[in-house]
Amino acid sequence: GDAIAEHVQRNYTLIEEEGVTGRLRAIGAALVKQIPPTDLRFQFFLVDLPDVNAFAMPGGRIYVSRKLVAFTESEDELAGVLAHEIGHLAARQTAIDMTRIFRKVLGVTKVTDRRDVFEKYNQLVENTARKPGAFGNGEEEKEQLEADRIGLYAMVAAGYDPQAFATFFDRLAETKGRTGGFLSDLFRKTSPDSRRLREILKGLQTLPAECRAARPAGRS
């Protein structure tokens, strides 16, 4: 995670003002308390990017674009985004992906100390053009659904409204409530976003009834 951050943060403008980023980190900390104990060091960063985006890196870093924060309509929605990214990390998806990429691109199956990790990562950056297909694992949709499930439970346990994440995703993906069904699945007409919305809504139904009860509007 440190090696990747050193490389990619050259291209991002981090917003360091505590008055701006403090609330983001407070929401993230409340969510992290709800997942099983881990040696990950969770850190939350606000960045200037030209799109509505959030992403996680190995080791615990989570980056959120200022445009994404502006796109959310409540603290609950923002908590849903952070919970989803925490889900990726709690499931060790980013670490597993990097292990696979190191093996496919460099033939590396183990590393030793911090210096070795940095050297191997720099070699990886220099060799990305050799095997561009190694960076996709064909499991992206499955990983998103897993992160959604973990995120919903973290939201509920932290006291946030889990329905807010479904609302946010529906608006972001412009699915307009469309989740597909038997026929659209049969003819492969259901979009990945519609399938994901369907699974989010199914996940909501598995929560205890008191967790799904209507709540007062959250802080804007």
Protein backbone atom coordinates (compact mmCIF):
# COMPACT_ATOMS: atom_id res chain seq x y z
CA GLY A 1 0.00 0.00 0.00
CA ASP A 2 2.80 2.42 0.82
CA ALA A 3 4.54 1.64 -2.46
CA ILE A 4 1.37 2.19 -4.50
CA ALA A 5 0.52 5.40 -2.63
CA GLU A 6 3.98 6.81 -3.24
CA HIS A 7 3.48 6.22 -6.94
CA VAL A 8 -0.12 7.33 -7.51
CA GLN A 9 -0.29 10.29 -5.14
CA ARG A 10 1.96 12.20 -7.50
CA ASN A 11 -1.10 12.45 -9.76
CA TYR A 12 -3.63 13.47 -7.09
CA THR A 13 -4.13 16.64 -5.12
CA LEU A 14 -4.80 15.62 -1.53
CA ILE A 15 -6.99 17.97 0.48
CA GLU A 16 -5.28 18.25 3.85
CA GLU A 17 -7.51 20.77 5.68
CA GLU A 18 -8.71 19.16 8.91
CA GLY A 19 -11.95 21.14 8.82
CA VAL A 20 -12.76 19.52 5.48
CA THR A 21 -11.39 16.01 5.94
CA GLY A 22 -12.03 15.52 9.66
CA ARG A 23 -15.66 14.53 9.19
CA LEU A 24 -14.76 12.05 6.46
CA ARG A 25 -12.27 10.37 8.77
CA ALA A 26 -14.72 10.35 11.67
CA ILE A 27 -17.34 8.52 9.58
CA GLY A 28 -14.69 6.07 8.40
CA ALA A 29 -13.50 5.39 11.94
CA ALA A 30 -17.05 4.67 13.13
CA LEU A 31 -17.45 2.10 10.36
CA VAL A 32 -14.06 0.45 10.89
CA LYS A 33 -15.02 -0.28 14.52
CA GLN A 34 -17.79 -2.57 13.23
CA ILE A 35 -15.63 -5.00 11.26
CA PRO A 36 -13.61 -7.87 12.78
CA PRO A 37 -10.23 -6.87 14.26
CA THR A 38 -7.54 -6.48 11.62
CA ASP A 39 -3.95 -5.33 11.34
CA LEU A 40 -4.88 -3.03 8.46
CA ARG A 41 -4.19 0.65 9.06
CA PHE A 42 -7.27 2.38 7.70
CA GLN A 43 -6.71 5.90 6.40
CA PHE A 44 -9.21 8.13 4.60
CA PHE A 45 -8.19 10.76 2.07
CA LEU A 46 -10.15 13.42 0.20
CA VAL A 47 -8.75 14.10 -3.27
CA ASP A 48 -9.43 16.34 -6.22
CA LEU A 49 -10.38 14.14 -9.18
CA PRO A 50 -12.41 14.98 -12.29
CA ASP A 51 -15.00 12.25 -11.60
CA VAL A 52 -17.31 10.82 -8.94
CA ASN A 53 -15.14 8.05 -7.53
CA ALA A 54 -13.79 6.27 -4.46
CA PHE A 55 -11.27 3.46 -4.30
CA ALA A 56 -9.23 1.42 -1.83
CA MET A 57 -5.57 0.38 -1.87
CA PRO A 58 -3.82 -2.52 -0.16
CA GLY A 59 -2.95 -1.82 3.45
CA GLY A 60 -6.00 0.31 4.29
CA ARG A 61 -5.92 3.55 2.31
CA ILE A 62 -9.28 4.77 1.00
CA TYR A 63 -9.49 7.73 -1.38
CA VAL A 64 -12.70 9.68 -1.99
CA SER A 65 -13.04 12.37 -4.63
CA ARG A 66 -14.50 15.70 -3.65
CA LYS A 67 -16.97 15.32 -6.52
CA LEU A 68 -18.28 12.12 -4.96
CA VAL A 69 -18.82 13.84 -1.62
CA ALA A 70 -20.74 16.56 -3.45
CA PHE A 71 -22.80 13.91 -5.22
CA THR A 72 -24.00 12.30 -1.98
CA GLU A 73 -27.14 13.77 -0.43
CA SER A 74 -26.67 12.72 3.19
CA GLU A 75 -24.11 11.51 5.67
CA ASP A 76 -25.72 8.07 5.42
CA GLU A 77 -24.98 7.91 1.69
CA LEU A 78 -21.37 8.91 2.22
CA ALA A 79 -21.09 6.30 4.99
CA GLY A 80 -22.38 3.71 2.49
CA VAL A 81 -19.60 4.57 0.04
CA LEU A 82 -16.92 4.33 2.74
CA ALA A 83 -18.41 1.09 4.09
CA HIS A 84 -18.26 -0.44 0.62
CA GLU A 85 -14.57 0.46 0.24
CA ILE A 86 -13.88 -0.88 3.75
CA GLY A 87 -15.57 -4.08 2.59
CA HIS A 88 -13.04 -4.49 -0.23
CA LEU A 89 -10.21 -4.20 2.29
CA ALA A 90 -11.79 -6.34 5.01
CA ALA A 91 -12.16 -9.14 2.45
CA ARG A 92 -8.47 -8.71 1.51
CA GLN A 93 -9.45 -8.31 -2.14
CA THR A 94 -6.82 -5.70 -2.94
CA ALA A 95 -4.04 -7.76 -1.34
CA ILE A 96 -5.15 -10.91 -3.16
CA ASP A 97 -5.25 -9.01 -6.46
CA MET A 98 -1.71 -7.67 -5.96
CA THR A 99 -0.45 -11.17 -5.11
CA ARG A 100 -1.95 -12.46 -8.36
CA ILE A 101 -0.51 -9.57 -10.41
CA PHE A 102 2.98 -10.00 -8.94
CA ARG A 103 2.88 -13.68 -9.94
CA LYS A 104 1.45 -13.14 -13.44
CA VAL A 105 3.60 -10.19 -14.48
CA LEU A 106 6.86 -10.80 -12.60
CA GLY A 107 6.71 -14.48 -11.66
CA VAL A 108 7.11 -13.40 -8.01
CA THR A 109 5.54 -15.72 -5.43
CA LYS A 110 6.97 -14.21 -2.25
CA VAL A 111 8.53 -11.02 -0.93
CA THR A 112 10.68 -10.35 2.11
CA ASP A 113 11.13 -6.91 3.69
CA ARG A 114 9.78 -3.46 2.92
CA ARG A 115 12.65 -2.64 0.57
CA ASP A 116 11.98 -5.80 -1.43
CA VAL A 117 8.27 -4.94 -1.72
CA PHE A 118 9.11 -1.47 -3.06
CA GLU A 119 11.62 -2.88 -5.55
CA LYS A 120 9.14 -5.49 -6.80
CA TYR A 121 6.39 -2.89 -7.13
CA ASN A 122 8.65 -0.59 -9.16
CA GLN A 123 9.49 -3.53 -11.42
CA LEU A 124 5.77 -4.14 -11.82
CA VAL A 125 5.17 -0.53 -12.89
CA GLU A 126 7.97 -0.81 -15.45
CA ASN A 127 6.50 -4.03 -16.87
CA THR A 128 2.79 -3.18 -17.02
CA ALA A 129 2.84 -2.99 -20.82
CA ARG A 130 4.05 -6.61 -21.09
CA LYS A 131 0.91 -8.19 -19.67
CA PRO A 132 -1.93 -5.63 -19.54
CA GLY A 133 -4.48 -8.43 -19.20
CA ALA A 134 -3.01 -9.43 -15.84
CA PHE A 135 -4.66 -6.48 -14.14
CA GLY A 136 -8.17 -7.84 -14.65
CA ASN A 137 -9.18 -10.97 -12.79
CA GLY A 138 -12.69 -11.59 -14.15
CA GLU A 139 -13.98 -11.41 -10.57
CA GLU A 140 -14.74 -7.69 -10.41
CA GLU A 141 -18.52 -8.10 -10.21
CA LYS A 142 -18.22 -10.76 -7.52
CA GLU A 143 -15.84 -8.55 -5.53
CA GLN A 144 -18.23 -5.59 -5.72
CA LEU A 145 -21.10 -7.70 -4.38
CA GLU A 146 -18.96 -9.02 -1.53
CA ALA A 147 -17.88 -5.49 -0.58
CA ASP A 148 -21.53 -4.38 -0.71
CA ARG A 149 -22.58 -7.13 1.72
CA ILE A 150 -19.84 -6.31 4.22
CA GLY A 151 -20.55 -2.60 3.84
CA LEU A 152 -24.27 -2.94 4.57
CA TYR A 153 -23.60 -4.72 7.85
CA ALA A 154 -20.95 -2.18 8.85
CA MET A 155 -23.40 0.65 8.12
CA VAL A 156 -26.14 -0.88 10.25
CA ALA A 157 -23.81 -1.64 13.14
CA ALA A 158 -22.53 1.95 13.07
CA GLY A 159 -26.07 3.32 13.19
CA TYR A 160 -26.42 4.46 9.58
CA ASP A 161 -29.44 3.81 7.35
CA PRO A 162 -28.48 0.97 4.97
CA GLN A 163 -31.23 1.96 2.50
CA ALA A 164 -29.19 5.09 1.79
CA PHE A 165 -26.55 3.04 0.01
CA ALA A 166 -29.13 1.51 -2.35
CA THR A 167 -30.52 4.98 -3.04
CA PHE A 168 -27.05 6.35 -3.71
CA PHE A 169 -26.05 3.53 -6.03
CA ASP A 170 -29.32 3.70 -7.99
CA ARG A 171 -28.75 7.40 -8.60
CA LEU A 172 -25.04 6.99 -9.42
CA ALA A 173 -25.55 4.08 -11.84
CA GLU A 174 -28.72 5.64 -13.28
CA THR A 175 -30.47 2.28 -13.00
CA LYS A 176 -33.76 4.03 -12.13
CA GLY A 177 -34.80 1.17 -9.89
CA ARG A 178 -34.35 -1.44 -12.62
CA THR A 179 -33.04 -4.71 -11.18
CA GLY A 180 -33.77 -7.10 -14.03
CA GLY A 181 -35.48 -10.43 -13.56
CA PHE A 182 -35.77 -13.99 -14.78
CA LEU A 183 -36.33 -13.15 -18.46
CA SER A 184 -33.70 -10.44 -18.73
CA ASP A 185 -31.22 -12.75 -16.98
CA LEU A 186 -32.15 -15.62 -19.30
CA PHE A 187 -31.47 -13.52 -22.39
CA ARG A 188 -28.45 -11.82 -20.78
CA LYS A 189 -30.07 -8.41 -20.98
CA THR A 190 -29.64 -7.50 -17.31
CA SER A 191 -26.83 -4.97 -16.94
CA PRO A 192 -24.15 -5.53 -14.26
CA ASP A 193 -25.35 -2.39 -12.46
CA SER A 194 -28.93 -3.66 -12.38
CA ARG A 195 -27.76 -7.01 -11.02
CA ARG A 196 -25.74 -5.22 -8.39
CA LEU A 197 -28.71 -3.06 -7.34
CA ARG A 198 -30.81 -6.23 -7.08
CA GLU A 199 -28.25 -7.83 -4.78
CA ILE A 200 -28.01 -4.70 -2.62
CA LEU A 201 -31.79 -4.72 -2.18
CA LYS A 202 -31.74 -8.45 -1.41
CA GLY A 203 -29.06 -7.78 1.18
CA LEU A 204 -31.28 -5.19 2.81
CA GLN A 205 -34.04 -7.77 3.15
CA THR A 206 -31.74 -10.11 5.07
CA LEU A 207 -31.18 -7.52 7.79
CA PRO A 208 -33.30 -7.63 10.97
CA ALA A 209 -36.58 -5.74 10.59
CA GLU A 210 -35.59 -3.08 13.13
CA CYS A 211 -32.53 -2.28 11.01
CA ARG A 212 -34.71 -1.72 7.94
CA ALA A 213 -37.27 0.52 9.65
CA ALA A 214 -37.80 3.96 8.16
CA ARG A 215 -35.58 6.56 9.79
CA PRO A 216 -35.57 10.33 10.01
CA ALA A 217 -33.65 12.05 7.23
CA GLY A 218 -29.93 12.05 7.98
CA ARG A 219 -27.67 15.07 8.14
CA SER A 220 -27.38 16.65 4.69
